[in-house]
């Protein structure tokens, strides 16, 4: 499978909706994700993109089809084995950050490591926060951080286990334009360093920062194309900051 991290073959997901019958959330979806890619999965609300993300992240199992992670067919694994794949190989970032309110940024980042056998948990968490530019906010609680900073903590938490892939579900959905550029600039930086990043979004301008864009509609992958000219988030951020300074 060469440098393929995830391979999906004809994935379908069908939900039973009581008397209303079945709901097909995903139909015959096939794709490959290679090491070092920056991919956007784009679609409107209800298109099936989050269902696809949940299956790729081993949070849900397909009704039919096969999913391979490092050549292992993970949809045939039991729940315990799936949990090990999630914890060791996948870093998750969510729209709502999912941080513990009464816990510092540093302690939030440590959470994925609590049940590991590692002895250097504190150092790994600090290094992850430094990597996202929050070395001066380690001991702040989420309520003391901006939305963009909270999302950076969430990204640091996704990095702390050194996963093979980062899956981000609408990571800029709760952010203003400036914070969105900051987060996308961070994802591009991580990708330039060799990280594999897949993000789900309904926003075209966010998807255009990716090197590959997969579009999904009504549960069907309708296109999968290389983005030959990805938008540069850092340049856009610098331009926005300059415009604000000029206005003031």
C-alpha atoms as a PDB file:
ATOM      1  CA  UNK A   1       0.000   0.000   0.000  1.00  0.00           C
ATOM      2  CA  UNK A   2       3.112   2.190  -0.270  1.00  0.00           C
ATOM      3  CA  UNK A   3       2.719   5.328   1.889  1.00  0.00           C
ATOM      4  CA  UNK A   4      -1.043   4.970   2.280  1.00  0.00           C
ATOM      5  CA  UNK A   5      -2.137   5.584   5.884  1.00  0.00           C
ATOM      6  CA  UNK A   6      -5.867   5.016   5.382  1.00  0.00           C
ATOM      7  CA  UNK A   7      -7.601   3.133   2.586  1.00  0.00           C
ATOM      8  CA  UNK A   8     -11.395   3.086   2.352  1.00  0.00           C
ATOM      9  CA  UNK A   9     -13.197   0.715  -0.013  1.00  0.00           C
ATOM     10  CA  UNK A  10     -16.877   1.252  -0.835  1.00  0.00           C
ATOM     11  CA  UNK A  11     -17.876   2.492   2.617  1.00  0.00           C
ATOM     12  CA  UNK A  12     -21.596   2.822   3.293  1.00  0.00           C
ATOM     13  CA  UNK A  13     -23.428   3.845   6.445  1.00  0.00           C
ATOM     14  CA  UNK A  14     -27.158   3.280   6.852  1.00  0.00           C
ATOM     15  CA  UNK A  15     -29.157   4.386   9.881  1.00  0.00           C
ATOM     16  CA  UNK A  16     -32.553   3.016  10.791  1.00  0.00           C
ATOM     17  CA  UNK A  17     -35.079   5.785  11.314  1.00  0.00           C
ATOM     18  CA  UNK A  18     -37.957   3.912  12.900  1.00  0.00           C
ATOM     19  CA  UNK A  19     -41.192   4.105  10.874  1.00  0.00           C
ATOM     20  CA  UNK A  20     -39.643   6.551   8.410  1.00  0.00           C
ATOM     21  CA  UNK A  21     -37.367   3.857   7.066  1.00  0.00           C
ATOM     22  CA  UNK A  22     -33.637   3.854   6.436  1.00  0.00           C
ATOM     23  CA  UNK A  23     -31.382   6.877   6.073  1.00  0.00           C
ATOM     24  CA  UNK A  24     -28.312   6.423   3.884  1.00  0.00           C
ATOM     25  CA  UNK A  25     -25.661   8.762   5.334  1.00  0.00           C
ATOM     26  CA  UNK A  26     -22.803   7.435   3.196  1.00  0.00           C
ATOM     27  CA  UNK A  27     -22.868   5.433  -0.024  1.00  0.00           C
ATOM     28  CA  UNK A  28     -19.981   3.482  -1.615  1.00  0.00           C
ATOM     29  CA  UNK A  29     -17.257   5.901  -0.492  1.00  0.00           C
ATOM     30  CA  UNK A  30     -13.737   4.989  -1.577  1.00  0.00           C
ATOM     31  CA  UNK A  31     -10.530   6.966  -1.022  1.00  0.00           C
ATOM     32  CA  UNK A  32      -6.910   6.760   0.028  1.00  0.00           C
ATOM     33  CA  UNK A  33      -5.077   9.077   2.416  1.00  0.00           C
ATOM     34  CA  UNK A  34      -1.312   9.143   2.056  1.00  0.00           C
ATOM     35  CA  UNK A  35       1.313  10.167   4.555  1.00  0.00           C
ATOM     36  CA  UNK A  36       2.015  13.910   4.471  1.00  0.00           C
ATOM     37  CA  UNK A  37      -1.198  14.995   2.777  1.00  0.00           C
ATOM     38  CA  UNK A  38      -3.325  18.001   3.756  1.00  0.00           C
ATOM     39  CA  UNK A  39      -6.892  17.138   2.747  1.00  0.00           C
ATOM     40  CA  UNK A  40     -10.202  18.945   3.084  1.00  0.00           C
ATOM     41  CA  UNK A  41     -13.442  16.966   3.014  1.00  0.00           C
ATOM     42  CA  UNK A  42     -16.062  19.506   2.002  1.00  0.00           C
ATOM     43  CA  UNK A  43     -19.844  19.381   1.954  1.00  0.00           C
ATOM     44  CA  UNK A  44     -22.997  21.071   3.177  1.00  0.00           C
ATOM     45  CA  UNK A  45     -24.687  20.192   6.456  1.00  0.00           C
ATOM     46  CA  UNK A  46     -26.133  16.685   6.206  1.00  0.00           C
ATOM     47  CA  UNK A  47     -23.965  15.763   3.215  1.00  0.00           C
ATOM     48  CA  UNK A  48     -22.311  12.844   4.998  1.00  0.00           C
ATOM     49  CA  UNK A  49     -18.911  14.424   5.600  1.00  0.00           C
ATOM     50  CA  UNK A  50     -19.016  14.015   9.393  1.00  0.00           C
ATOM     51  CA  UNK A  51     -20.188  10.412   8.995  1.00  0.00           C
ATOM     52  CA  UNK A  52     -17.199   9.764   6.744  1.00  0.00           C
ATOM     53  CA  UNK A  53     -14.884  11.483   9.237  1.00  0.00           C
ATOM     54  CA  UNK A  54     -16.247   9.398  12.129  1.00  0.00           C
ATOM     55  CA  UNK A  55     -15.619   6.184  10.215  1.00  0.00           C
ATOM     56  CA  UNK A  56     -12.121   7.255   9.131  1.00  0.00           C
ATOM     57  CA  UNK A  57     -11.397   8.119  12.769  1.00  0.00           C
ATOM     58  CA  UNK A  58     -12.612   4.715  14.014  1.00  0.00           C
ATOM     59  CA  UNK A  59     -15.356   6.435  16.028  1.00  0.00           C
ATOM     60  CA  UNK A  60     -18.006   4.543  14.074  1.00  0.00           C
ATOM     61  CA  UNK A  61     -18.150   1.428  11.922  1.00  0.00           C
ATOM     62  CA  UNK A  62     -19.509   1.305   8.369  1.00  0.00           C
ATOM     63  CA  UNK A  63     -22.598  -0.723   7.532  1.00  0.00           C
ATOM     64  CA  UNK A  64     -20.660  -2.168   4.604  1.00  0.00           C
ATOM     65  CA  UNK A  65     -17.304  -1.747   2.939  1.00  0.00           C
ATOM     66  CA  UNK A  66     -13.773  -1.944   4.318  1.00  0.00           C
ATOM     67  CA  UNK A  67     -11.465   0.474   6.113  1.00  0.00           C
ATOM     68  CA  UNK A  68      -7.727  -0.181   6.361  1.00  0.00           C
ATOM     69  CA  UNK A  69      -5.370   1.676   8.694  1.00  0.00           C
ATOM     70  CA  UNK A  70      -1.727   0.803   8.042  1.00  0.00           C
ATOM     71  CA  UNK A  71      -2.929  -2.283   6.158  1.00  0.00           C
ATOM     72  CA  UNK A  72      -5.042  -3.518   9.086  1.00  0.00           C
ATOM     73  CA  UNK A  73      -8.760  -3.845   8.345  1.00  0.00           C
ATOM     74  CA  UNK A  74      -9.939  -1.872  11.357  1.00  0.00           C
ATOM     75  CA  UNK A  75     -13.697  -2.250  10.876  1.00  0.00           C
ATOM     76  CA  UNK A  76     -13.265  -5.913  11.817  1.00  0.00           C
ATOM     77  CA  UNK A  77     -11.545  -5.087  15.126  1.00  0.00           C
ATOM     78  CA  UNK A  78     -13.359  -5.264  18.453  1.00  0.00           C
ATOM     79  CA  UNK A  79     -14.046  -2.104  20.480  1.00  0.00           C
ATOM     80  CA  UNK A  80     -10.924  -2.461  22.617  1.00  0.00           C
ATOM     81  CA  UNK A  81      -8.647  -2.814  19.610  1.00  0.00           C
ATOM     82  CA  UNK A  82     -10.369   0.122  17.891  1.00  0.00           C
ATOM     83  CA  UNK A  83      -9.771   2.246  20.984  1.00  0.00           C
ATOM     84  CA  UNK A  84      -6.051   1.452  20.789  1.00  0.00           C
ATOM     85  CA  UNK A  85      -5.942   2.585  17.158  1.00  0.00           C
ATOM     86  CA  UNK A  86      -7.722   5.835  18.038  1.00  0.00           C
ATOM     87  CA  UNK A  87      -5.521   6.577  21.023  1.00  0.00           C
ATOM     88  CA  UNK A  88      -2.178   5.803  19.435  1.00  0.00           C
ATOM     89  CA  UNK A  89      -2.577   6.672  15.763  1.00  0.00           C
ATOM     90  CA  UNK A  90      -5.188   9.425  15.474  1.00  0.00           C
ATOM     91  CA  UNK A  91      -5.339  12.957  16.861  1.00  0.00           C
ATOM     92  CA  UNK A  92      -8.790  14.581  16.955  1.00  0.00           C
ATOM     93  CA  UNK A  93      -9.709  18.263  16.785  1.00  0.00           C
ATOM     94  CA  UNK A  94     -13.350  19.325  17.162  1.00  0.00           C
ATOM     95  CA  UNK A  95     -15.315  22.482  16.413  1.00  0.00           C
ATOM     96  CA  UNK A  96     -16.268  22.988  20.072  1.00  0.00           C
ATOM     97  CA  UNK A  97     -12.684  22.368  21.352  1.00  0.00           C
ATOM     98  CA  UNK A  98     -13.890  19.797  23.977  1.00  0.00           C
ATOM     99  CA  UNK A  99     -11.665  21.185  26.745  1.00  0.00           C
ATOM    100  CA  UNK A 100     -12.270  20.670  30.457  1.00  0.00           C
ATOM    101  CA  UNK A 101     -13.248  24.078  31.839  1.00  0.00           C
ATOM    102  CA  UNK A 102     -11.687  23.701  35.299  1.00  0.00           C
ATOM    103  CA  UNK A 103      -8.435  22.290  33.977  1.00  0.00           C
ATOM    104  CA  UNK A 104      -5.403  24.249  32.752  1.00  0.00           C
ATOM    105  CA  UNK A 105      -4.256  24.167  29.145  1.00  0.00           C
ATOM    106  CA  UNK A 106      -1.316  21.994  30.171  1.00  0.00           C
ATOM    107  CA  UNK A 107      -3.515  19.503  32.011  1.00  0.00           C
ATOM    108  CA  UNK A 108      -5.969  19.379  29.084  1.00  0.00           C
ATOM    109  CA  UNK A 109      -3.127  18.443  26.754  1.00  0.00           C
ATOM    110  CA  UNK A 110      -1.938  15.755  29.171  1.00  0.00           C
ATOM    111  CA  UNK A 111      -5.307  13.962  29.151  1.00  0.00           C
ATOM    112  CA  UNK A 112      -4.604  11.529  26.248  1.00  0.00           C
ATOM    113  CA  UNK A 113      -1.466  10.379  28.076  1.00  0.00           C
ATOM    114  CA  UNK A 114      -2.941   9.758  31.519  1.00  0.00           C
ATOM    115  CA  UNK A 115      -3.482   6.029  30.949  1.00  0.00           C
ATOM    116  CA  UNK A 116      -0.297   5.519  28.951  1.00  0.00           C
ATOM    117  CA  UNK A 117       2.900   4.031  30.324  1.00  0.00           C
ATOM    118  CA  UNK A 118       4.954   7.126  29.541  1.00  0.00           C
ATOM    119  CA  UNK A 119       6.948   8.728  32.315  1.00  0.00           C
ATOM    120  CA  UNK A 120       7.500  12.121  30.656  1.00  0.00           C
ATOM    121  CA  UNK A 121       3.859  13.214  30.317  1.00  0.00           C
ATOM    122  CA  UNK A 122       4.450  16.788  31.537  1.00  0.00           C
ATOM    123  CA  UNK A 123       7.316  17.388  29.099  1.00  0.00           C
ATOM    124  CA  UNK A 124       5.370  15.985  26.137  1.00  0.00           C
ATOM    125  CA  UNK A 125       2.403  18.247  26.935  1.00  0.00           C
ATOM    126  CA  UNK A 126       4.649  21.301  27.281  1.00  0.00           C
ATOM    127  CA  UNK A 127       6.376  20.519  23.986  1.00  0.00           C
ATOM    128  CA  UNK A 128       2.982  20.213  22.246  1.00  0.00           C
ATOM    129  CA  UNK A 129       1.862  23.596  23.589  1.00  0.00           C
ATOM    130  CA  UNK A 130       5.143  25.167  22.495  1.00  0.00           C
ATOM    131  CA  UNK A 131       4.592  23.685  19.015  1.00  0.00           C
ATOM    132  CA  UNK A 132       1.280  25.581  18.708  1.00  0.00           C
ATOM    133  CA  UNK A 133       2.675  28.825  20.099  1.00  0.00           C
ATOM    134  CA  UNK A 134       1.103  28.730  23.569  1.00  0.00           C
ATOM    135  CA  UNK A 135       4.154  28.462  25.787  1.00  0.00           C
ATOM    136  CA  UNK A 136       2.951  31.546  27.707  1.00  0.00           C
ATOM    137  CA  UNK A 137      -0.588  30.203  28.262  1.00  0.00           C
ATOM    138  CA  UNK A 138       0.134  26.755  29.702  1.00  0.00           C
ATOM    139  CA  UNK A 139      -1.402  27.424  33.095  1.00  0.00           C
ATOM    140  CA  UNK A 140      -4.457  29.351  31.867  1.00  0.00           C
ATOM    141  CA  UNK A 141      -7.902  27.764  32.000  1.00  0.00           C
ATOM    142  CA  UNK A 142     -10.086  27.646  28.852  1.00  0.00           C
ATOM    143  CA  UNK A 143     -12.247  30.529  30.114  1.00  0.00           C
ATOM    144  CA  UNK A 144      -9.131  32.712  30.180  1.00  0.00           C
ATOM    145  CA  UNK A 145      -8.312  31.973  26.540  1.00  0.00           C
ATOM    146  CA  UNK A 146      -9.743  33.258  23.268  1.00  0.00           C
ATOM    147  CA  UNK A 147     -11.526  30.865  20.920  1.00  0.00           C
ATOM    148  CA  UNK A 148      -8.466  30.646  18.708  1.00  0.00           C
ATOM    149  CA  UNK A 149      -6.236  29.907  21.688  1.00  0.00           C
ATOM    150  CA  UNK A 150      -8.628  27.212  22.913  1.00  0.00           C
ATOM    151  CA  UNK A 151      -8.481  25.580  19.505  1.00  0.00           C
ATOM    152  CA  UNK A 152      -4.686  25.705  19.667  1.00  0.00           C
ATOM    153  CA  UNK A 153      -4.846  23.845  22.989  1.00  0.00           C
ATOM    154  CA  UNK A 154      -7.092  21.263  21.285  1.00  0.00           C
ATOM    155  CA  UNK A 155      -4.566  20.914  18.452  1.00  0.00           C
ATOM    156  CA  UNK A 156      -1.741  20.507  20.982  1.00  0.00           C
ATOM    157  CA  UNK A 157      -3.772  17.772  22.667  1.00  0.00           C
ATOM    158  CA  UNK A 158      -4.172  16.047  19.285  1.00  0.00           C
ATOM    159  CA  UNK A 159      -0.390  16.153  18.781  1.00  0.00           C
ATOM    160  CA  UNK A 160       0.747  14.922  22.182  1.00  0.00           C
ATOM    161  CA  UNK A 161       0.592  11.222  21.274  1.00  0.00           C
ATOM    162  CA  UNK A 162       2.545  11.856  18.044  1.00  0.00           C
ATOM    163  CA  UNK A 163      -0.302  10.416  15.911  1.00  0.00           C
ATOM    164  CA  UNK A 164       0.023   9.289  12.312  1.00  0.00           C
ATOM    165  CA  UNK A 165      -2.895  11.472  11.269  1.00  0.00           C
ATOM    166  CA  UNK A 166      -4.827  14.469  12.584  1.00  0.00           C
ATOM    167  CA  UNK A 167      -8.582  14.567  11.909  1.00  0.00           C
ATOM    168  CA  UNK A 168     -10.198  17.977  12.397  1.00  0.00           C
ATOM    169  CA  UNK A 169     -13.993  18.361  12.265  1.00  0.00           C
ATOM    170  CA  UNK A 170     -14.993  21.967  11.392  1.00  0.00           C
ATOM    171  CA  UNK A 171     -11.942  23.320  13.275  1.00  0.00           C
ATOM    172  CA  UNK A 172     -12.698  26.950  12.337  1.00  0.00           C
ATOM    173  CA  UNK A 173     -16.480  26.748  12.667  1.00  0.00           C
ATOM    174  CA  UNK A 174     -16.631  28.805  15.901  1.00  0.00           C
ATOM    175  CA  UNK A 175     -13.885  31.269  15.011  1.00  0.00           C
ATOM    176  CA  UNK A 176     -13.680  34.744  13.494  1.00  0.00           C
ATOM    177  CA  UNK A 177     -11.721  35.376  10.298  1.00  0.00           C
ATOM    178  CA  UNK A 178      -8.416  36.241  12.001  1.00  0.00           C
ATOM    179  CA  UNK A 179      -8.529  33.199  14.290  1.00  0.00           C
ATOM    180  CA  UNK A 180      -9.516  30.981  11.349  1.00  0.00           C
ATOM    181  CA  UNK A 181      -6.431  32.102   9.422  1.00  0.00           C
ATOM    182  CA  UNK A 182      -4.292  31.457  12.513  1.00  0.00           C
ATOM    183  CA  UNK A 183      -5.611  27.903  12.832  1.00  0.00           C
ATOM    184  CA  UNK A 184      -5.254  27.160   9.127  1.00  0.00           C
ATOM    185  CA  UNK A 185      -1.733  28.614   9.184  1.00  0.00           C
ATOM    186  CA  UNK A 186      -0.928  26.231  12.039  1.00  0.00           C
ATOM    187  CA  UNK A 187      -2.316  23.234  10.144  1.00  0.00           C
ATOM    188  CA  UNK A 188      -0.271  24.218   7.082  1.00  0.00           C
ATOM    189  CA  UNK A 189       2.852  24.539   9.250  1.00  0.00           C
ATOM    190  CA  UNK A 190       2.258  21.116  10.803  1.00  0.00           C
ATOM    191  CA  UNK A 191       1.709  19.669   7.339  1.00  0.00           C
ATOM    192  CA  UNK A 192       4.929  21.260   6.065  1.00  0.00           C
ATOM    193  CA  UNK A 193       6.673  19.474   8.955  1.00  0.00           C
ATOM    194  CA  UNK A 194       5.332  16.154   7.657  1.00  0.00           C
ATOM    195  CA  UNK A 195       2.050  15.786   9.548  1.00  0.00           C
ATOM    196  CA  UNK A 196      -0.897  14.198   7.769  1.00  0.00           C
ATOM    197  CA  UNK A 197      -3.969  16.391   8.262  1.00  0.00           C
ATOM    198  CA  UNK A 198      -7.572  15.797   7.196  1.00  0.00           C
ATOM    199  CA  UNK A 199     -10.165  18.432   7.959  1.00  0.00           C
ATOM    200  CA  UNK A 200     -13.911  18.540   7.449  1.00  0.00           C
ATOM    201  CA  UNK A 201     -15.463  21.861   6.515  1.00  0.00           C
ATOM    202  CA  UNK A 202     -18.527  23.347   4.866  1.00  0.00           C
ATOM    203  CA  UNK A 203     -16.614  26.507   3.937  1.00  0.00           C
ATOM    204  CA  UNK A 204     -15.084  26.752   0.467  1.00  0.00           C
ATOM    205  CA  UNK A 205     -12.483  29.343   1.500  1.00  0.00           C
ATOM    206  CA  UNK A 206     -11.240  27.072   4.300  1.00  0.00           C
ATOM    207  CA  UNK A 207     -11.114  24.026   2.006  1.00  0.00           C
ATOM    208  CA  UNK A 208      -8.995  25.990  -0.473  1.00  0.00           C
ATOM    209  CA  UNK A 209      -6.100  25.975   2.027  1.00  0.00           C
ATOM    210  CA  UNK A 210      -5.771  22.206   1.559  1.00  0.00           C
ATOM    211  CA  UNK A 211      -3.639  20.489  -1.060  1.00  0.00           C
ATOM    212  CA  UNK A 212      -6.443  18.101  -1.953  1.00  0.00           C
ATOM    213  CA  UNK A 213     -10.192  18.675  -1.790  1.00  0.00           C
ATOM    214  CA  UNK A 214     -12.761  15.884  -1.545  1.00  0.00           C
ATOM    215  CA  UNK A 215     -16.360  16.964  -2.053  1.00  0.00           C
ATOM    216  CA  UNK A 216     -19.303  14.965  -0.761  1.00  0.00           C
ATOM    217  CA  UNK A 217     -23.024  15.444  -1.402  1.00  0.00           C
ATOM    218  CA  UNK A 218     -25.982  13.330  -0.280  1.00  0.00           C
ATOM    219  CA  UNK A 219     -23.594  10.718   1.086  1.00  0.00           C
ATOM    220  CA  UNK A 220     -21.702  10.339  -2.198  1.00  0.00           C
ATOM    221  CA  UNK A 221     -18.141  11.439  -2.929  1.00  0.00           C
ATOM    222  CA  UNK A 222     -18.660  13.545  -6.040  1.00  0.00           C
ATOM    223  CA  UNK A 223     -15.099  14.748  -6.598  1.00  0.00           C
ATOM    224  CA  UNK A 224     -11.556  14.186  -5.339  1.00  0.00           C
ATOM    225  CA  UNK A 225      -9.080  16.639  -6.811  1.00  0.00           C
ATOM    226  CA  UNK A 226      -5.606  18.032  -6.197  1.00  0.00           C
ATOM    227  CA  UNK A 227      -5.632  21.738  -5.326  1.00  0.00           C
ATOM    228  CA  UNK A 228      -2.789  23.084  -7.466  1.00  0.00           C
ATOM    229  CA  UNK A 229      -2.767  26.504  -5.778  1.00  0.00           C
ATOM    230  CA  UNK A 230      -3.614  26.196  -2.064  1.00  0.00           C
ATOM    231  CA  UNK A 231      -4.293  29.457  -0.274  1.00  0.00           C
ATOM    232  CA  UNK A 232      -1.508  30.497   2.099  1.00  0.00           C
ATOM    233  CA  UNK A 233      -3.096  31.192   5.477  1.00  0.00           C
ATOM    234  CA  UNK A 234      -0.065  32.973   6.938  1.00  0.00           C
ATOM    235  CA  UNK A 235       0.009  35.440   4.052  1.00  0.00           C
ATOM    236  CA  UNK A 236      -3.714  36.043   4.434  1.00  0.00           C
ATOM    237  CA  UNK A 237      -3.297  36.574   8.171  1.00  0.00           C
ATOM    238  CA  UNK A 238      -0.452  39.060   7.661  1.00  0.00           C
ATOM    239  CA  UNK A 239      -2.540  40.944   5.081  1.00  0.00           C
ATOM    240  CA  UNK A 240      -5.545  41.076   7.406  1.00  0.00           C
ATOM    241  CA  UNK A 241      -3.449  42.380  10.318  1.00  0.00           C
ATOM    242  CA  UNK A 242      -1.928  45.063   8.078  1.00  0.00           C
ATOM    243  CA  UNK A 243      -5.370  46.164   6.887  1.00  0.00           C
ATOM    244  CA  UNK A 244      -6.628  46.465  10.468  1.00  0.00           C
ATOM    245  CA  UNK A 245      -3.579  48.557  11.448  1.00  0.00           C
ATOM    246  CA  UNK A 246      -4.117  50.871   8.478  1.00  0.00           C
ATOM    247  CA  UNK A 247      -7.768  51.361   9.420  1.00  0.00           C
ATOM    248  CA  UNK A 248      -6.744  52.375  12.931  1.00  0.00           C
END
